[in-house]
Amino acid sequence: MRKIVSVLVFLLIAALASSGFAADLKALDRIHVLMHREKVLEIMGSPAEESTASHDLKVDIYHIPDAAPLKQAGCLYNSQNILVGQSFVFEGHSGAQIHEYLQKLGFTPLMKGASIGRLAGFDDDAAHPLVAVIERHGDLTTITTFEHGFYKDRAK
């Protein structure tokens, strides 16, 4: 299920790339898991697109201008509108660099492969436990950070 959710999030973000709304990188840094969607919208503003990843998961898509290689970000909400994950889409194959950077921040590798890496760590702002999933999709790299409890529940 976790693989399906991360692929769905990636596909939604990639498919909505042509929309015109953009997000501020500094605002994006103020967002953290377990934040209510209302608070996220207050900080980030309106998303470029709102969609559904599954029957109980909603996704807001934001474009990130002038932050190459970062192109887009997505916020994943549960049925109570609580932020349970964030996705970041990067141009190019930057999975190894992201993996290394997260380790420098204290994340512990759970698994590493040719196109995927999983690490466990803590949100740098709110200290919530996270699982980070790094994947490659063609010429793009995504990192999706999930709230640890949400990830564990979906991994069952």
C-alpha atoms as a PDB file:
ATOM      1  CA  MET A   1       0.000   0.000   0.000  1.00  0.00           C
ATOM      2  CA  ARG A   2       2.786   2.495   0.835  1.00  0.00           C
ATOM      3  CA  LYS A   3       4.286   2.019  -2.642  1.00  0.00           C
ATOM      4  CA  ILE A   4       0.879   2.644  -4.213  1.00  0.00           C
ATOM      5  CA  VAL A   5       0.358   5.820  -2.171  1.00  0.00           C
ATOM      6  CA  SER A   6       3.771   7.260  -3.053  1.00  0.00           C
ATOM      7  CA  VAL A   7       3.311   6.430  -6.753  1.00  0.00           C
ATOM      8  CA  LEU A   8      -0.182   7.988  -6.713  1.00  0.00           C
ATOM      9  CA  VAL A   9       1.182  11.138  -5.064  1.00  0.00           C
ATOM     10  CA  PHE A  10       3.968  11.329  -7.646  1.00  0.00           C
ATOM     11  CA  LEU A  11       1.574  10.832 -10.556  1.00  0.00           C
ATOM     12  CA  LEU A  12      -0.810  13.474  -9.248  1.00  0.00           C
ATOM     13  CA  ILE A  13       1.983  16.008  -8.815  1.00  0.00           C
ATOM     14  CA  ALA A  14       3.519  15.258 -12.215  1.00  0.00           C
ATOM     15  CA  ALA A  15       0.165  15.346 -14.018  1.00  0.00           C
ATOM     16  CA  LEU A  16      -0.714  18.741 -12.591  1.00  0.00           C
ATOM     17  CA  ALA A  17       2.589  20.382 -13.499  1.00  0.00           C
ATOM     18  CA  SER A  18       1.063  22.818 -15.976  1.00  0.00           C
ATOM     19  CA  SER A  19      -1.122  24.665 -13.475  1.00  0.00           C
ATOM     20  CA  GLY A  20      -0.190  28.266 -12.692  1.00  0.00           C
ATOM     21  CA  PHE A  21      -0.166  28.538  -8.884  1.00  0.00           C
ATOM     22  CA  ALA A  22       3.215  28.746  -7.154  1.00  0.00           C
ATOM     23  CA  ALA A  23       4.422  28.385  -3.588  1.00  0.00           C
ATOM     24  CA  ASP A  24       7.074  30.192  -1.613  1.00  0.00           C
ATOM     25  CA  LEU A  25      10.005  28.001  -0.564  1.00  0.00           C
ATOM     26  CA  LYS A  26      10.231  29.697   2.848  1.00  0.00           C
ATOM     27  CA  ALA A  27       6.538  29.036   3.467  1.00  0.00           C
ATOM     28  CA  LEU A  28       7.046  25.405   2.529  1.00  0.00           C
ATOM     29  CA  ASP A  29       9.737  25.101   5.209  1.00  0.00           C
ATOM     30  CA  ARG A  30       7.221  26.168   7.880  1.00  0.00           C
ATOM     31  CA  ILE A  31       4.944  23.192   7.163  1.00  0.00           C
ATOM     32  CA  HIS A  32       5.254  19.999   9.204  1.00  0.00           C
ATOM     33  CA  VAL A  33       3.394  16.728   9.637  1.00  0.00           C
ATOM     34  CA  LEU A  34       0.352  16.621  11.918  1.00  0.00           C
ATOM     35  CA  MET A  35      -0.494  20.208  10.992  1.00  0.00           C
ATOM     36  CA  HIS A  36      -4.153  20.783  10.095  1.00  0.00           C
ATOM     37  CA  ARG A  37      -4.865  21.610   6.447  1.00  0.00           C
ATOM     38  CA  GLU A  38      -6.407  24.938   7.466  1.00  0.00           C
ATOM     39  CA  LYS A  39      -3.066  25.998   9.000  1.00  0.00           C
ATOM     40  CA  VAL A  40      -1.130  24.745   5.952  1.00  0.00           C
ATOM     41  CA  LEU A  41      -3.368  26.799   3.658  1.00  0.00           C
ATOM     42  CA  GLU A  42      -2.890  29.826   5.900  1.00  0.00           C
ATOM     43  CA  ILE A  43       0.890  29.498   5.465  1.00  0.00           C
ATOM     44  CA  MET A  44       1.078  28.251   1.872  1.00  0.00           C
ATOM     45  CA  GLY A  45      -1.950  29.841   0.256  1.00  0.00           C
ATOM     46  CA  SER A  46      -4.121  28.098  -2.293  1.00  0.00           C
ATOM     47  CA  PRO A  47      -2.624  25.044  -3.978  1.00  0.00           C
ATOM     48  CA  ALA A  48      -2.309  24.791  -7.742  1.00  0.00           C
ATOM     49  CA  GLU A  49      -4.521  21.731  -7.604  1.00  0.00           C
ATOM     50  CA  GLU A  50      -6.471  19.687  -5.088  1.00  0.00           C
ATOM     51  CA  SER A  51      -7.001  16.008  -5.744  1.00  0.00           C
ATOM     52  CA  THR A  52      -7.650  12.629  -4.142  1.00  0.00           C
ATOM     53  CA  ALA A  53      -4.945   9.945  -3.939  1.00  0.00           C
ATOM     54  CA  SER A  54      -7.280   7.289  -2.546  1.00  0.00           C
ATOM     55  CA  HIS A  55     -10.684   7.194  -0.898  1.00  0.00           C
ATOM     56  CA  ASP A  56      -9.309   8.673   2.319  1.00  0.00           C
ATOM     57  CA  LEU A  57      -6.265  10.697   1.191  1.00  0.00           C
ATOM     58  CA  LYS A  58      -6.307  14.193  -0.281  1.00  0.00           C
ATOM     59  CA  VAL A  59      -3.394  15.882  -2.034  1.00  0.00           C
ATOM     60  CA  ASP A  60      -2.645  19.582  -2.522  1.00  0.00           C
ATOM     61  CA  ILE A  61      -0.092  20.360  -5.243  1.00  0.00           C
ATOM     62  CA  TYR A  62       2.174  23.439  -5.219  1.00  0.00           C
ATOM     63  CA  HIS A  63       4.661  24.640  -7.844  1.00  0.00           C
ATOM     64  CA  ILE A  64       7.985  25.908  -6.542  1.00  0.00           C
ATOM     65  CA  PRO A  65       9.408  28.569  -8.897  1.00  0.00           C
ATOM     66  CA  ASP A  66      13.043  29.603  -8.916  1.00  0.00           C
ATOM     67  CA  ALA A  67      14.204  26.723  -6.698  1.00  0.00           C
ATOM     68  CA  ALA A  68      15.696  24.365  -9.285  1.00  0.00           C
ATOM     69  CA  PRO A  69      16.137  21.462  -9.173  1.00  0.00           C
ATOM     70  CA  LEU A  70      13.049  21.440  -6.887  1.00  0.00           C
ATOM     71  CA  LYS A  71       9.979  21.709  -9.102  1.00  0.00           C
ATOM     72  CA  GLN A  72       6.905  20.864  -7.053  1.00  0.00           C
ATOM     73  CA  ALA A  73       5.665  19.920  -3.615  1.00  0.00           C
ATOM     74  CA  GLY A  74       2.608  18.030  -2.506  1.00  0.00           C
ATOM     75  CA  CYS A  75       0.837  17.871   0.835  1.00  0.00           C
ATOM     76  CA  LEU A  76      -0.946  14.614   1.694  1.00  0.00           C
ATOM     77  CA  TYR A  77      -3.868  14.773   4.146  1.00  0.00           C
ATOM     78  CA  ASN A  78      -5.851  12.070   5.922  1.00  0.00           C
ATOM     79  CA  SER A  79      -9.655  12.081   6.217  1.00  0.00           C
ATOM     80  CA  GLN A  80      -9.445  14.482   9.202  1.00  0.00           C
ATOM     81  CA  ASN A  81      -7.458  17.007   7.083  1.00  0.00           C
ATOM     82  CA  ILE A  82      -4.269  16.362   9.049  1.00  0.00           C
ATOM     83  CA  LEU A  83      -0.994  16.544   7.106  1.00  0.00           C
ATOM     84  CA  VAL A  84       0.437  13.012   7.103  1.00  0.00           C
ATOM     85  CA  GLY A  85       2.986  13.394   4.305  1.00  0.00           C
ATOM     86  CA  GLN A  86       4.811  15.775   2.023  1.00  0.00           C
ATOM     87  CA  SER A  87       6.265  15.052  -1.419  1.00  0.00           C
ATOM     88  CA  PHE A  88       8.980  16.977  -3.189  1.00  0.00           C
ATOM     89  CA  VAL A  89       9.713  16.521  -6.895  1.00  0.00           C
ATOM     90  CA  PHE A  90      13.226  17.249  -8.149  1.00  0.00           C
ATOM     91  CA  GLU A  91      14.437  17.388 -11.716  1.00  0.00           C
ATOM     92  CA  GLY A  92      17.201  14.876 -12.399  1.00  0.00           C
ATOM     93  CA  HIS A  93      18.557  11.912 -10.510  1.00  0.00           C
ATOM     94  CA  SER A  94      19.341  13.337  -7.087  1.00  0.00           C
ATOM     95  CA  GLY A  95      18.327  10.389  -4.891  1.00  0.00           C
ATOM     96  CA  ALA A  96      21.871   9.643  -3.732  1.00  0.00           C
ATOM     97  CA  GLN A  97      22.464  13.269  -2.728  1.00  0.00           C
ATOM     98  CA  ILE A  98      19.126  13.444  -0.903  1.00  0.00           C
ATOM     99  CA  HIS A  99      19.882  10.158   0.875  1.00  0.00           C
ATOM    100  CA  GLU A 100      23.288  11.456   1.977  1.00  0.00           C
ATOM    101  CA  TYR A 101      21.859  14.818   3.086  1.00  0.00           C
ATOM    102  CA  LEU A 102      19.152  13.156   5.196  1.00  0.00           C
ATOM    103  CA  GLN A 103      21.790  10.992   6.875  1.00  0.00           C
ATOM    104  CA  LYS A 104      23.710  14.162   7.776  1.00  0.00           C
ATOM    105  CA  LEU A 105      20.486  15.424   9.383  1.00  0.00           C
ATOM    106  CA  GLY A 106      20.351  12.277  11.529  1.00  0.00           C
ATOM    107  CA  PHE A 107      18.072  10.065   9.445  1.00  0.00           C
ATOM    108  CA  THR A 108      18.850   6.349   9.610  1.00  0.00           C
ATOM    109  CA  PRO A 109      18.716   4.238   6.436  1.00  0.00           C
ATOM    110  CA  LEU A 110      16.057   1.545   6.524  1.00  0.00           C
ATOM    111  CA  MET A 111      16.680   0.304   3.005  1.00  0.00           C
ATOM    112  CA  LYS A 112      18.564   1.461  -0.069  1.00  0.00           C
ATOM    113  CA  GLY A 113      18.301   0.262  -3.659  1.00  0.00           C
ATOM    114  CA  ALA A 114      18.972   1.479  -7.179  1.00  0.00           C
ATOM    115  CA  SER A 115      15.883   3.670  -7.372  1.00  0.00           C
ATOM    116  CA  ILE A 116      14.544   3.803  -3.843  1.00  0.00           C
ATOM    117  CA  GLY A 117      15.750   4.593  -0.362  1.00  0.00           C
ATOM    118  CA  ARG A 118      13.923   4.619   2.955  1.00  0.00           C
ATOM    119  CA  LEU A 119      15.124   6.438   6.023  1.00  0.00           C
ATOM    120  CA  ALA A 120      13.728   7.121   9.486  1.00  0.00           C
ATOM    121  CA  GLY A 121      14.280  10.378  11.316  1.00  0.00           C
ATOM    122  CA  PHE A 122      12.613  13.383  12.895  1.00  0.00           C
ATOM    123  CA  ASP A 123      11.040  16.565  11.568  1.00  0.00           C
ATOM    124  CA  ASP A 124      13.576  19.352  12.105  1.00  0.00           C
ATOM    125  CA  ASP A 125      10.912  21.829  13.255  1.00  0.00           C
ATOM    126  CA  ALA A 126       8.472  19.842  15.366  1.00  0.00           C
ATOM    127  CA  ALA A 127      10.534  16.708  16.165  1.00  0.00           C
ATOM    128  CA  HIS A 128       7.797  14.360  14.897  1.00  0.00           C
ATOM    129  CA  PRO A 129       9.084  10.943  13.789  1.00  0.00           C
ATOM    130  CA  LEU A 130       9.140  10.559   9.998  1.00  0.00           C
ATOM    131  CA  VAL A 131       9.836   7.987   7.334  1.00  0.00           C
ATOM    132  CA  ALA A 132      11.368   9.386   4.151  1.00  0.00           C
ATOM    133  CA  VAL A 133      10.939   7.477   0.882  1.00  0.00           C
ATOM    134  CA  ILE A 134      13.172   8.428  -2.055  1.00  0.00           C
ATOM    135  CA  GLU A 135      12.182   7.241  -5.531  1.00  0.00           C
ATOM    136  CA  ARG A 136      13.188   7.825  -9.114  1.00  0.00           C
ATOM    137  CA  HIS A 137      10.576   8.257 -11.845  1.00  0.00           C
ATOM    138  CA  GLY A 138      12.199   8.733 -15.250  1.00  0.00           C
ATOM    139  CA  ASP A 139      14.189  11.961 -15.088  1.00  0.00           C
ATOM    140  CA  LEU A 140      12.628  13.010 -11.780  1.00  0.00           C
ATOM    141  CA  THR A 141      13.426  12.162  -8.172  1.00  0.00           C
ATOM    142  CA  THR A 142      10.784  12.323  -5.458  1.00  0.00           C
ATOM    143  CA  ILE A 143      11.157  12.329  -1.728  1.00  0.00           C
ATOM    144  CA  THR A 144       8.030  11.757   0.303  1.00  0.00           C
ATOM    145  CA  THR A 145       8.144  12.166   4.059  1.00  0.00           C
ATOM    146  CA  PHE A 146       5.398  10.416   5.981  1.00  0.00           C
ATOM    147  CA  GLU A 147       4.363  10.784   9.597  1.00  0.00           C
ATOM    148  CA  HIS A 148       5.755   7.608  11.173  1.00  0.00           C
ATOM    149  CA  GLY A 149       2.453   6.307  12.570  1.00  0.00           C
ATOM    150  CA  PHE A 150       0.671   6.863   9.260  1.00  0.00           C
ATOM    151  CA  TYR A 151       3.468   5.051   7.426  1.00  0.00           C
ATOM    152  CA  LYS A 152       3.399   2.089   9.822  1.00  0.00           C
ATOM    153  CA  ASP A 153      -0.390   1.776   9.527  1.00  0.00           C
ATOM    154  CA  ARG A 154      -0.248   1.822   5.718  1.00  0.00           C
ATOM    155  CA  ALA A 155       2.691  -0.597   5.565  1.00  0.00           C
ATOM    156  CA  LYS A 156       0.652  -3.373   7.219  1.00  0.00           C
END
